[in-house]
Amino acid sequence: MTDTCNLSTRRCTPCEGGVPALDADAAGRLLAGLDGWTLTDGKIEKAFRFRNHHETMAFVNAVAWISHREDHHPELTVGYADCRVRYWTHAIGGLSENDFICAAKVERLLAP
């Protein structure tokens, strides 16, 4: 299993199904390396807060760029000054390493 410290430097690998979803232990180890992300209903998610709508939309666009580059897309719920990002791998009906790679890349967007 990949060290969570290195997740943000990795690239997603194509997942067309037929691959088992991560088990609870593997998902828990990867989740431990993501600040503020939670596991809910078999998906990882985090809510991000911003000062205004402009900052929220800039964040959404940056997440869209990550999604495009990795060909792995989250569910986004966007409000005026907040955005919830939720990942899971539809093709396998659960979590894959790709979900954690993308979450780590999203985290880097707001790193100091």
PDB file of N, CA and C in Angstrom:
ATOM      1  N   MET A   1       0.850  -1.180   0.000  1.00  0.00           N
ATOM      2  CA  MET A   1       0.000   0.000   0.000  1.00  0.00           C
ATOM      3  C   MET A   1       0.895   1.242   0.000  1.00  0.00           C
ATOM      4  N   THR A   2       0.451   2.268  -0.632  1.00  0.00           N
ATOM      5  CA  THR A   2       1.210   3.502  -0.777  1.00  0.00           C
ATOM      6  C   THR A   2       1.222   4.307   0.518  1.00  0.00           C
ATOM      7  N   ASP A   3       2.346   4.893   0.845  1.00  0.00           N
ATOM      8  CA  ASP A   3       2.471   5.790   1.986  1.00  0.00           C
ATOM      9  C   ASP A   3       1.640   7.037   1.696  1.00  0.00           C
ATOM     10  N   THR A   4       0.800   7.451   2.653  1.00  0.00           N
ATOM     11  CA  THR A   4      -0.081   8.592   2.424  1.00  0.00           C
ATOM     12  C   THR A   4       0.688   9.874   2.161  1.00  0.00           C
ATOM     13  N   CYS A   5       1.919   9.985   2.636  1.00  0.00           N
ATOM     14  CA  CYS A   5       2.715  11.189   2.398  1.00  0.00           C
ATOM     15  C   CYS A   5       2.979  11.385   0.911  1.00  0.00           C
ATOM     16  N   ASN A   6       3.028  10.302   0.174  1.00  0.00           N
ATOM     17  CA  ASN A   6       3.350  10.380  -1.241  1.00  0.00           C
ATOM     18  C   ASN A   6       2.128  10.430  -2.143  1.00  0.00           C
ATOM     19  N   LEU A   7       0.943  10.362  -1.601  1.00  0.00           N
ATOM     20  CA  LEU A   7      -0.251  10.290  -2.433  1.00  0.00           C
ATOM     21  C   LEU A   7      -0.399  11.472  -3.377  1.00  0.00           C
ATOM     22  N   SER A   8      -0.111  12.664  -2.910  1.00  0.00           N
ATOM     23  CA  SER A   8      -0.339  13.840  -3.744  1.00  0.00           C
ATOM     24  C   SER A   8       0.623  13.932  -4.922  1.00  0.00           C
ATOM     25  N   THR A   9       1.683  13.135  -4.902  1.00  0.00           N
ATOM     26  CA  THR A   9       2.630  13.150  -6.018  1.00  0.00           C
ATOM     27  C   THR A   9       2.374  12.003  -6.996  1.00  0.00           C
ATOM     28  N   ARG A  10       1.431  11.148  -6.670  1.00  0.00           N
ATOM     29  CA  ARG A  10       1.108  10.006  -7.533  1.00  0.00           C
ATOM     30  C   ARG A  10       0.064  10.388  -8.569  1.00  0.00           C
ATOM     31  N   ARG A  11      -0.108   9.540  -9.549  1.00  0.00           N
ATOM     32  CA  ARG A  11      -1.132   9.717 -10.577  1.00  0.00           C
ATOM     33  C   ARG A  11      -2.148   8.593 -10.438  1.00  0.00           C
ATOM     34  N   CYS A  12      -3.381   8.890 -10.767  1.00  0.00           N
ATOM     35  CA  CYS A  12      -4.429   7.877 -10.757  1.00  0.00           C
ATOM     36  C   CYS A  12      -4.186   6.880 -11.880  1.00  0.00           C
ATOM     37  N   THR A  13      -4.595   5.651 -11.625  1.00  0.00           N
ATOM     38  CA  THR A  13      -4.516   4.621 -12.653  1.00  0.00           C
ATOM     39  C   THR A  13      -5.930   4.293 -13.114  1.00  0.00           C
ATOM     40  N   PRO A  14      -6.111   3.993 -14.382  1.00  0.00           N
ATOM     41  CA  PRO A  14      -7.460   3.694 -14.886  1.00  0.00           C
ATOM     42  C   PRO A  14      -8.094   2.549 -14.102  1.00  0.00           C
ATOM     43  N   CYS A  15      -9.363   2.700 -13.809  1.00  0.00           N
ATOM     44  CA  CYS A  15     -10.101   1.685 -13.056  1.00  0.00           C
ATOM     45  C   CYS A  15     -11.409   1.435 -13.780  1.00  0.00           C
ATOM     46  N   GLU A  16     -11.494   0.314 -14.459  1.00  0.00           N
ATOM     47  CA  GLU A  16     -12.678  -0.006 -15.243  1.00  0.00           C
ATOM     48  C   GLU A  16     -13.577  -1.029 -14.561  1.00  0.00           C
ATOM     49  N   GLY A  17     -13.306  -1.362 -13.346  1.00  0.00           N
ATOM     50  CA  GLY A  17     -14.090  -2.386 -12.667  1.00  0.00           C
ATOM     51  C   GLY A  17     -13.319  -3.690 -12.624  1.00  0.00           C
ATOM     52  N   GLY A  18     -13.880  -4.661 -11.918  1.00  0.00           N
ATOM     53  CA  GLY A  18     -13.212  -5.939 -11.781  1.00  0.00           C
ATOM     54  C   GLY A  18     -12.101  -5.937 -10.744  1.00  0.00           C
ATOM     55  N   VAL A  19     -11.829  -4.786 -10.159  1.00  0.00           N
ATOM     56  CA  VAL A  19     -10.815  -4.640  -9.115  1.00  0.00           C
ATOM     57  C   VAL A  19     -11.563  -4.501  -7.791  1.00  0.00           C
ATOM     58  N   PRO A  20     -11.141  -5.207  -6.770  1.00  0.00           N
ATOM     59  CA  PRO A  20     -11.858  -5.077  -5.496  1.00  0.00           C
ATOM     60  C   PRO A  20     -11.654  -3.693  -4.871  1.00  0.00           C
ATOM     61  N   ALA A  21     -12.686  -3.223  -4.207  1.00  0.00           N
ATOM     62  CA  ALA A  21     -12.582  -1.971  -3.451  1.00  0.00           C
ATOM     63  C   ALA A  21     -11.639  -2.185  -2.271  1.00  0.00           C
ATOM     64  N   LEU A  22     -11.071  -1.103  -1.783  1.00  0.00           N
ATOM     65  CA  LEU A  22     -10.207  -1.189  -0.600  1.00  0.00           C
ATOM     66  C   LEU A  22     -11.005  -1.717   0.586  1.00  0.00           C
ATOM     67  N   ASP A  23     -10.378  -2.537   1.399  1.00  0.00           N
ATOM     68  CA  ASP A  23     -11.045  -2.989   2.616  1.00  0.00           C
ATOM     69  C   ASP A  23     -10.977  -1.874   3.660  1.00  0.00           C
ATOM     70  N   ALA A  24     -11.688  -2.050   4.753  1.00  0.00           N
ATOM     71  CA  ALA A  24     -11.791  -1.007   5.782  1.00  0.00           C
ATOM     72  C   ALA A  24     -10.434  -0.646   6.377  1.00  0.00           C
ATOM     73  N   ASP A  25      -9.565  -1.630   6.577  1.00  0.00           N
ATOM     74  CA  ASP A  25      -8.248  -1.349   7.153  1.00  0.00           C
ATOM     75  C   ASP A  25      -7.395  -0.500   6.215  1.00  0.00           C
ATOM     76  N   ALA A  26      -7.364  -0.867   4.948  1.00  0.00           N
ATOM     77  CA  ALA A  26      -6.569  -0.107   3.969  1.00  0.00           C
ATOM     78  C   ALA A  26      -7.116   1.303   3.821  1.00  0.00           C
ATOM     79  N   ALA A  27      -8.437   1.433   3.751  1.00  0.00           N
ATOM     80  CA  ALA A  27      -9.053   2.763   3.637  1.00  0.00           C
ATOM     81  C   ALA A  27      -8.739   3.598   4.877  1.00  0.00           C
ATOM     82  N   GLY A  28      -8.787   2.976   6.045  1.00  0.00           N
ATOM     83  CA  GLY A  28      -8.486   3.692   7.289  1.00  0.00           C
ATOM     84  C   GLY A  28      -7.057   4.193   7.341  1.00  0.00           C
ATOM     85  N   ARG A  29      -6.118   3.386   6.872  1.00  0.00           N
ATOM     86  CA  ARG A  29      -4.711   3.816   6.860  1.00  0.00           C
ATOM     87  C   ARG A  29      -4.526   5.014   5.930  1.00  0.00           C
ATOM     88  N   LEU A  30      -5.124   4.961   4.762  1.00  0.00           N
ATOM     89  CA  LEU A  30      -4.991   6.076   3.821  1.00  0.00           C
ATOM     90  C   LEU A  30      -5.713   7.321   4.330  1.00  0.00           C
ATOM     91  N   LEU A  31      -6.875   7.123   4.914  1.00  0.00           N
ATOM     92  CA  LEU A  31      -7.653   8.245   5.446  1.00  0.00           C
ATOM     93  C   LEU A  31      -6.900   8.963   6.561  1.00  0.00           C
ATOM     94  N   ALA A  32      -6.128   8.236   7.344  1.00  0.00           N
ATOM     95  CA  ALA A  32      -5.376   8.835   8.456  1.00  0.00           C
ATOM     96  C   ALA A  32      -4.393   9.900   7.971  1.00  0.00           C
ATOM     97  N   GLY A  33      -3.991   9.835   6.727  1.00  0.00           N
ATOM     98  CA  GLY A  33      -3.065  10.822   6.173  1.00  0.00           C
ATOM     99  C   GLY A  33      -3.729  12.032   5.565  1.00  0.00           C
ATOM    100  N   LEU A  34      -5.045  12.099   5.635  1.00  0.00           N
ATOM    101  CA  LEU A  34      -5.792  13.223   5.053  1.00  0.00           C
ATOM    102  C   LEU A  34      -6.468  14.018   6.162  1.00  0.00           C
ATOM    103  N   ASP A  35      -6.028  15.223   6.372  1.00  0.00           N
ATOM    104  CA  ASP A  35      -6.534  16.071   7.448  1.00  0.00           C
ATOM    105  C   ASP A  35      -7.989  16.481   7.209  1.00  0.00           C
ATOM    106  N   GLY A  36      -8.858  16.098   8.139  1.00  0.00           N
ATOM    107  CA  GLY A  36     -10.237  16.552   8.107  1.00  0.00           C
ATOM    108  C   GLY A  36     -11.173  15.771   7.199  1.00  0.00           C
ATOM    109  N   TRP A  37     -10.676  14.795   6.478  1.00  0.00           N
ATOM    110  CA  TRP A  37     -11.520  13.964   5.627  1.00  0.00           C
ATOM    111  C   TRP A  37     -12.161  12.887   6.480  1.00  0.00           C
ATOM    112  N   THR A  38     -13.402  12.530   6.139  1.00  0.00           N
ATOM    113  CA  THR A  38     -14.118  11.501   6.877  1.00  0.00           C
ATOM    114  C   THR A  38     -14.604  10.420   5.916  1.00  0.00           C
ATOM    115  N   LEU A  39     -14.855   9.268   6.473  1.00  0.00           N
ATOM    116  CA  LEU A  39     -15.421   8.164   5.721  1.00  0.00           C
ATOM    117  C   LEU A  39     -16.899   8.083   6.078  1.00  0.00           C
ATOM    118  N   THR A  40     -17.765   8.273   5.086  1.00  0.00           N
ATOM    119  CA  THR A  40     -19.207   8.274   5.291  1.00  0.00           C
ATOM    120  C   THR A  40     -19.858   7.464   4.178  1.00  0.00           C
ATOM    121  N   ASP A  41     -20.604   6.446   4.538  1.00  0.00           N
ATOM    122  CA  ASP A  41     -21.326   5.627   3.556  1.00  0.00           C
ATOM    123  C   ASP A  41     -20.426   5.126   2.432  1.00  0.00           C
ATOM    124  N   GLY A  42     -19.216   4.699   2.770  1.00  0.00           N
ATOM    125  CA  GLY A  42     -18.310   4.145   1.781  1.00  0.00           C
ATOM    126  C   GLY A  42     -17.657   5.162   0.866  1.00  0.00           C
ATOM    127  N   LYS A  43     -17.705   6.434   1.259  1.00  0.00           N
ATOM    128  CA  LYS A  43     -17.112   7.516   0.472  1.00  0.00           C
ATOM    129  C   LYS A  43     -16.273   8.378   1.397  1.00  0.00           C
ATOM    130  N   ILE A  44     -15.238   9.007   0.855  1.00  0.00           N
ATOM    131  CA  ILE A  44     -14.480   9.961   1.665  1.00  0.00           C
ATOM    132  C   ILE A  44     -14.933  11.360   1.284  1.00  0.00           C
ATOM    133  N   GLU A  45     -15.014  12.224   2.276  1.00  0.00           N
ATOM    134  CA  GLU A  45     -15.503  13.567   2.007  1.00  0.00           C
ATOM    135  C   GLU A  45     -14.932  14.585   2.977  1.00  0.00           C
ATOM    136  N   LYS A  46     -14.975  15.830   2.515  1.00  0.00           N
ATOM    137  CA  LYS A  46     -14.554  16.945   3.354  1.00  0.00           C
ATOM    138  C   LYS A  46     -15.287  18.193   2.904  1.00  0.00           C
ATOM    139  N   ALA A  47     -15.681  19.009   3.876  1.00  0.00           N
ATOM    140  CA  ALA A  47     -16.308  20.299   3.588  1.00  0.00           C
ATOM    141  C   ALA A  47     -15.256  21.391   3.727  1.00  0.00           C
ATOM    142  N   PHE A  48     -15.186  22.252   2.744  1.00  0.00           N
ATOM    143  CA  PHE A  48     -14.250  23.374   2.728  1.00  0.00           C
ATOM    144  C   PHE A  48     -15.046  24.666   2.838  1.00  0.00           C
ATOM    145  N   ARG A  49     -14.571  25.604   3.672  1.00  0.00           N
ATOM    146  CA  ARG A  49     -15.229  26.900   3.861  1.00  0.00           C
ATOM    147  C   ARG A  49     -14.343  27.997   3.297  1.00  0.00           C
ATOM    148  N   PHE A  50     -14.986  29.027   2.724  1.00  0.00           N
ATOM    149  CA  PHE A  50     -14.272  30.143   2.108  1.00  0.00           C
ATOM    150  C   PHE A  50     -14.880  31.460   2.565  1.00  0.00           C
ATOM    151  N   ARG A  51     -14.193  32.551   2.256  1.00  0.00           N
ATOM    152  CA  ARG A  51     -14.678  33.871   2.676  1.00  0.00           C
ATOM    153  C   ARG A  51     -15.810  34.386   1.805  1.00  0.00           C
ATOM    154  N   ASN A  52     -15.866  33.925   0.555  1.00  0.00           N
ATOM    155  CA  ASN A  52     -16.877  34.453  -0.357  1.00  0.00           C
ATOM    156  C   ASN A  52     -17.079  33.493  -1.529  1.00  0.00           C
ATOM    157  N   HIS A  53     -18.003  33.858  -2.396  1.00  0.00           N
ATOM    158  CA  HIS A  53     -18.336  32.998  -3.525  1.00  0.00           C
ATOM    159  C   HIS A  53     -17.199  32.919  -4.537  1.00  0.00           C
ATOM    160  N   HIS A  54     -16.508  34.014  -4.723  1.00  0.00           N
ATOM    161  CA  HIS A  54     -15.381  34.018  -5.667  1.00  0.00           C
ATOM    162  C   HIS A  54     -14.325  32.989  -5.259  1.00  0.00           C
ATOM    163  N   GLU A  55     -13.958  32.944  -3.989  1.00  0.00           N
ATOM    164  CA  GLU A  55     -12.978  31.968  -3.516  1.00  0.00           C
ATOM    165  C   GLU A  55     -13.503  30.544  -3.663  1.00  0.00           C
ATOM    166  N   THR A  56     -14.781  30.362  -3.379  1.00  0.00           N
ATOM    167  CA  THR A  56     -15.385  29.038  -3.535  1.00  0.00           C
ATOM    168  C   THR A  56     -15.282  28.570  -4.975  1.00  0.00           C
ATOM    169  N   MET A  57     -15.625  29.446  -5.910  1.00  0.00           N
ATOM    170  CA  MET A  57     -15.609  29.055  -7.319  1.00  0.00           C
ATOM    171  C   MET A  57     -14.178  28.848  -7.834  1.00  0.00           C
ATOM    172  N   ALA A  58     -13.232  29.602  -7.320  1.00  0.00           N
ATOM    173  CA  ALA A  58     -11.830  29.376  -7.701  1.00  0.00           C
ATOM    174  C   ALA A  58     -11.400  27.981  -7.245  1.00  0.00           C
ATOM    175  N   PHE A  59     -11.794  27.598  -6.049  1.00  0.00           N
ATOM    176  CA  PHE A  59     -11.500  26.268  -5.533  1.00  0.00           C
ATOM    177  C   PHE A  59     -12.163  25.191  -6.400  1.00  0.00           C
ATOM    178  N   VAL A  60     -13.427  25.386  -6.729  1.00  0.00           N
ATOM    179  CA  VAL A  60     -14.160  24.428  -7.566  1.00  0.00           C
ATOM    180  C   VAL A  60     -13.451  24.255  -8.908  1.00  0.00           C
ATOM    181  N   ASN A  61     -13.015  25.337  -9.501  1.00  0.00           N
ATOM    182  CA  ASN A  61     -12.312  25.250 -10.782  1.00  0.00           C
ATOM    183  C   ASN A  61     -10.978  24.521 -10.651  1.00  0.00           C
ATOM    184  N   ALA A  62     -10.291  24.732  -9.540  1.00  0.00           N
ATOM    185  CA  ALA A  62      -9.024  24.029  -9.316  1.00  0.00           C
ATOM    186  C   ALA A  62      -9.274  22.529  -9.126  1.00  0.00           C
ATOM    187  N   VAL A  63     -10.336  22.174  -8.416  1.00  0.00           N
ATOM    188  CA  VAL A  63     -10.691  20.759  -8.248  1.00  0.00           C
ATOM    189  C   VAL A  63     -11.057  20.160  -9.608  1.00  0.00           C
ATOM    190  N   ALA A  64     -11.755  20.930 -10.431  1.00  0.00           N
ATOM    191  CA  ALA A  64     -12.105  20.451 -11.774  1.00  0.00           C
ATOM    192  C   ALA A  64     -10.849  20.181 -12.597  1.00  0.00           C
ATOM    193  N   TRP A  65      -9.829  21.001 -12.449  1.00  0.00           N
ATOM    194  CA  TRP A  65      -8.580  20.779 -13.166  1.00  0.00           C
ATOM    195  C   TRP A  65      -7.912  19.481 -12.702  1.00  0.00           C
ATOM    196  N   ILE A  66      -7.891  19.250 -11.391  1.00  0.00           N
ATOM    197  CA  ILE A  66      -7.350  17.995 -10.869  1.00  0.00           C
ATOM    198  C   ILE A  66      -8.140  16.823 -11.457  1.00  0.00           C
ATOM    199  N   SER A  67      -9.447  16.928 -11.456  1.00  0.00           N
ATOM    200  CA  SER A  67     -10.297  15.866 -11.986  1.00  0.00           C
ATOM    201  C   SER A  67      -9.976  15.576 -13.446  1.00  0.00           C
ATOM    202  N   HIS A  68      -9.798  16.622 -14.206  1.00  0.00           N
ATOM    203  CA  HIS A  68      -9.472  16.480 -15.627  1.00  0.00           C
ATOM    204  C   HIS A  68      -8.119  15.787 -15.800  1.00  0.00           C
ATOM    205  N   ARG A  69      -7.129  16.251 -15.070  1.00  0.00           N
ATOM    206  CA  ARG A  69      -5.780  15.698 -15.199  1.00  0.00           C
ATOM    207  C   ARG A  69      -5.701  14.233 -14.757  1.00  0.00           C
ATOM    208  N   GLU A  70      -6.458  13.889 -13.722  1.00  0.00           N
ATOM    209  CA  GLU A  70      -6.410  12.527 -13.180  1.00  0.00           C
ATOM    210  C   GLU A  70      -7.477  11.619 -13.782  1.00  0.00           C
ATOM    211  N   ASP A  71      -8.413  12.187 -14.513  1.00  0.00           N
ATOM    212  CA  ASP A  71      -9.549  11.438 -15.062  1.00  0.00           C
ATOM    213  C   ASP A  71     -10.265  10.661 -13.954  1.00  0.00           C
ATOM    214  N   HIS A  72     -10.450  11.365 -12.843  1.00  0.00           N
ATOM    215  CA  HIS A  72     -11.142  10.801 -11.678  1.00  0.00           C
ATOM    216  C   HIS A  72     -11.925  11.945 -11.052  1.00  0.00           C
ATOM    217  N   HIS A  73     -13.230  11.804 -10.981  1.00  0.00           N
ATOM    218  CA  HIS A  73     -14.093  12.947 -10.705  1.00  0.00           C
ATOM    219  C   HIS A  73     -14.865  12.798  -9.400  1.00  0.00           C
ATOM    220  N   PRO A  74     -14.858  13.848  -8.574  1.00  0.00           N
ATOM    221  CA  PRO A  74     -15.602  13.803  -7.313  1.00  0.00           C
ATOM    222  C   PRO A  74     -17.038  14.269  -7.512  1.00  0.00           C
ATOM    223  N   GLU A  75     -17.807  14.076  -6.485  1.00  0.00           N
ATOM    224  CA  GLU A  75     -19.113  14.721  -6.393  1.00  0.00           C
ATOM    225  C   GLU A  75     -18.872  16.012  -5.620  1.00  0.00           C
ATOM    226  N   LEU A  76     -19.311  17.133  -6.156  1.00  0.00           N
ATOM    227  CA  LEU A  76     -19.149  18.433  -5.500  1.00  0.00           C
ATOM    228  C   LEU A  76     -20.519  18.986  -5.152  1.00  0.00           C
ATOM    229  N   THR A  77     -20.635  19.502  -3.940  1.00  0.00           N
ATOM    230  CA  THR A  77     -21.824  20.230  -3.526  1.00  0.00           C
ATOM    231  C   THR A  77     -21.348  21.640  -3.199  1.00  0.00           C
ATOM    232  N   VAL A  78     -21.816  22.608  -3.967  1.00  0.00           N
ATOM    233  CA  VAL A  78     -21.288  23.966  -3.899  1.00  0.00           C
ATOM    234  C   VAL A  78     -22.333  24.926  -3.349  1.00  0.00           C
ATOM    235  N   GLY A  79     -21.906  25.725  -2.364  1.00  0.00           N
ATOM    236  CA  GLY A  79     -22.735  26.782  -1.821  1.00  0.00           C
ATOM    237  C   GLY A  79     -22.048  28.122  -2.013  1.00  0.00           C
ATOM    238  N   TYR A  80     -22.565  29.144  -1.395  1.00  0.00           N
ATOM    239  CA  TYR A  80     -22.001  30.490  -1.536  1.00  0.00           C
ATOM    240  C   TYR A  80     -20.544  30.538  -1.068  1.00  0.00           C
ATOM    241  N   ALA A  81     -20.291  30.012   0.121  1.00  0.00           N
ATOM    242  CA  ALA A  81     -18.945  30.090   0.692  1.00  0.00           C
ATOM    243  C   ALA A  81     -18.471  28.731   1.194  1.00  0.00           C
ATOM    244  N   ASP A  82     -18.931  27.680   0.548  1.00  0.00           N
ATOM    245  CA  ASP A  82     -18.506  26.349   0.960  1.00  0.00           C
ATOM    246  C   ASP A  82     -18.599  25.374  -0.215  1.00  0.00           C
ATOM    247  N   CYS A  83     -17.852  24.302  -0.086  1.00  0.00           N
ATOM    248  CA  CYS A  83     -17.882  23.230  -1.081  1.00  0.00           C
ATOM    249  C   CYS A  83     -17.579  21.920  -0.378  1.00  0.00           C
ATOM    250  N   ARG A  84     -18.434  20.939  -0.575  1.00  0.00           N
ATOM    251  CA  ARG A  84     -18.184  19.593  -0.064  1.00  0.00           C
ATOM    252  C   ARG A  84     -17.668  18.753  -1.226  1.00  0.00           C
ATOM    253  N   VAL A  85     -16.538  18.089  -0.982  1.00  0.00           N
ATOM    254  CA  VAL A  85     -15.914  17.228  -1.984  1.00  0.00           C
ATOM    255  C   VAL A  85     -16.056  15.794  -1.506  1.00  0.00           C
ATOM    256  N   ARG A  86     -16.589  14.938  -2.370  1.00  0.00           N
ATOM    257  CA  ARG A  86     -16.819  13.537  -2.007  1.00  0.00           C
ATOM    258  C   ARG A  86     -16.257  12.643  -3.110  1.00  0.00           C
ATOM    259  N   TYR A  87     -15.433  11.679  -2.702  1.00  0.00           N
ATOM    260  CA  TYR A  87     -14.826  10.734  -3.642  1.00  0.00           C
ATOM    261  C   TYR A  87     -15.219   9.307  -3.326  1.00  0.00           C
ATOM    262  N   TRP A  88     -15.427   8.532  -4.367  1.00  0.00           N
ATOM    263  CA  TRP A  88     -15.497   7.084  -4.370  1.00  0.00           C
ATOM    264  C   TRP A  88     -15.379   6.656  -5.820  1.00  0.00           C
ATOM    265  N   THR A  89     -15.054   5.424  -6.039  1.00  0.00           N
ATOM    266  CA  THR A  89     -14.832   4.944  -7.397  1.00  0.00           C
ATOM    267  C   THR A  89     -16.073   4.200  -7.872  1.00  0.00           C
ATOM    268  N   HIS A  90     -16.811   4.856  -8.737  1.00  0.00           N
ATOM    269  CA  HIS A  90     -18.072   4.302  -9.225  1.00  0.00           C
ATOM    270  C   HIS A  90     -17.897   2.920  -9.855  1.00  0.00           C
ATOM    271  N   ALA A  91     -16.832   2.746 -10.630  1.00  0.00           N
ATOM    272  CA  ALA A  91     -16.623   1.505 -11.392  1.00  0.00           C
ATOM    273  C   ALA A  91     -16.495   0.274 -10.509  1.00  0.00           C
ATOM    274  N   ILE A  92     -16.076   0.458  -9.256  1.00  0.00           N
ATOM    275  CA  ILE A  92     -15.916  -0.689  -8.365  1.00  0.00           C
ATOM    276  C   ILE A  92     -16.883  -0.647  -7.187  1.00  0.00           C
ATOM    277  N   GLY A  93     -17.698   0.407  -7.128  1.00  0.00           N
ATOM    278  CA  GLY A  93     -18.687   0.511  -6.061  1.00  0.00           C
ATOM    279  C   GLY A  93     -18.085   0.663  -4.686  1.00  0.00           C
ATOM    280  N   GLY A  94     -16.947   1.320  -4.602  1.00  0.00           N
ATOM    281  CA  GLY A  94     -16.287   1.526  -3.312  1.00  0.00           C
ATOM    282  C   GLY A  94     -15.083   2.422  -3.474  1.00  0.00           C
ATOM    283  N   LEU A  95     -14.197   2.362  -2.513  1.00  0.00           N
ATOM    284  CA  LEU A  95     -13.017   3.219  -2.524  1.00  0.00           C
ATOM    285  C   LEU A  95     -11.829   2.535  -3.195  1.00  0.00           C
ATOM    286  N   SER A  96     -11.085   3.334  -3.945  1.00  0.00           N
ATOM    287  CA  SER A  96      -9.825   2.880  -4.535  1.00  0.00           C
ATOM    288  C   SER A  96      -8.736   3.852  -4.113  1.00  0.00           C
ATOM    289  N   GLU A  97      -7.505   3.497  -4.381  1.00  0.00           N
ATOM    290  CA  GLU A  97      -6.406   4.403  -4.080  1.00  0.00           C
ATOM    291  C   GLU A  97      -6.566   5.725  -4.833  1.00  0.00           C
ATOM    292  N   ASN A  98      -7.186   5.699  -6.003  1.00  0.00           N
ATOM    293  CA  ASN A  98      -7.409   6.927  -6.773  1.00  0.00           C
ATOM    294  C   ASN A  98      -8.155   7.983  -5.965  1.00  0.00           C
ATOM    295  N   ASP A  99      -9.114   7.560  -5.167  1.00  0.00           N
ATOM    296  CA  ASP A  99      -9.884   8.507  -4.356  1.00  0.00           C
ATOM    297  C   ASP A  99      -8.981   9.254  -3.386  1.00  0.00           C
ATOM    298  N   PHE A 100      -8.052   8.541  -2.790  1.00  0.00           N
ATOM    299  CA  PHE A 100      -7.146   9.141  -1.817  1.00  0.00           C
ATOM    300  C   PHE A 100      -6.076   9.995  -2.498  1.00  0.00           C
ATOM    301  N   ILE A 101      -5.645   9.584  -3.669  1.00  0.00           N
ATOM    302  CA  ILE A 101      -4.695  10.393  -4.442  1.00  0.00           C
ATOM    303  C   ILE A 101      -5.325  11.745  -4.765  1.00  0.00           C
ATOM    304  N   CYS A 102      -6.550  11.729  -5.261  1.00  0.00           N
ATOM    305  CA  CYS A 102      -7.210  12.995  -5.616  1.00  0.00           C
ATOM    306  C   CYS A 102      -7.503  13.847  -4.385  1.00  0.00           C
ATOM    307  N   ALA A 103      -7.915  13.222  -3.299  1.00  0.00           N
ATOM    308  CA  ALA A 103      -8.160  13.976  -2.063  1.00  0.00           C
ATOM    309  C   ALA A 103      -6.871  14.649  -1.596  1.00  0.00           C
ATOM    310  N   ALA A 104      -5.747  13.957  -1.686  1.00  0.00           N
ATOM    311  CA  ALA A 104      -4.465  14.538  -1.281  1.00  0.00           C
ATOM    312  C   ALA A 104      -4.104  15.714  -2.187  1.00  0.00           C
ATOM    313  N   LYS A 105      -4.402  15.610  -3.467  1.00  0.00           N
ATOM    314  CA  LYS A 105      -4.138  16.714  -4.391  1.00  0.00           C
ATOM    315  C   LYS A 105      -5.027  17.922  -4.077  1.00  0.00           C
ATOM    316  N   VAL A 106      -6.273  17.655  -3.704  1.00  0.00           N
ATOM    317  CA  VAL A 106      -7.184  18.746  -3.306  1.00  0.00           C
ATOM    318  C   VAL A 106      -6.639  19.428  -2.052  1.00  0.00           C
ATOM    319  N   GLU A 107      -6.150  18.644  -1.107  1.00  0.00           N
ATOM    320  CA  GLU A 107      -5.558  19.212   0.114  1.00  0.00           C
ATOM    321  C   GLU A 107      -4.405  20.155  -0.214  1.00  0.00           C
ATOM    322  N   ARG A 108      -3.603  19.797  -1.178  1.00  0.00           N
ATOM    323  CA  ARG A 108      -2.440  20.638  -1.541  1.00  0.00           C
ATOM    324  C   ARG A 108      -2.862  21.995  -2.095  1.00  0.00           C
ATOM    325  N   LEU A 109      -4.076  22.095  -2.606  1.00  0.00           N
ATOM    326  CA  LEU A 109      -4.545  23.385  -3.149  1.00  0.00           C
ATOM    327  C   LEU A 109      -4.540  24.467  -2.071  1.00  0.00           C
ATOM    328  N   LEU A 110      -4.818  24.070  -0.842  1.00  0.00           N
ATOM    329  CA  LEU A 110      -4.948  25.056   0.239  1.00  0.00           C
ATOM    330  C   LEU A 110      -3.794  25.009   1.236  1.00  0.00           C
ATOM    331  N   ALA A 111      -2.769  24.270   0.894  1.00  0.00           N
ATOM    332  CA  ALA A 111      -1.616  24.162   1.801  1.00  0.00           C
ATOM    333  C   ALA A 111      -0.881  25.493   1.871  1.00  0.00           C
ATOM    334  N   PRO A 112      -0.398  25.846   3.066  1.00  0.00           N
ATOM    335  CA  PRO A 112       0.328  27.114   3.211  1.00  0.00           C
ATOM    336  C   PRO A 112       1.664  27.099   2.476  1.00  0.00           C
TER     337      PRO A 112
END
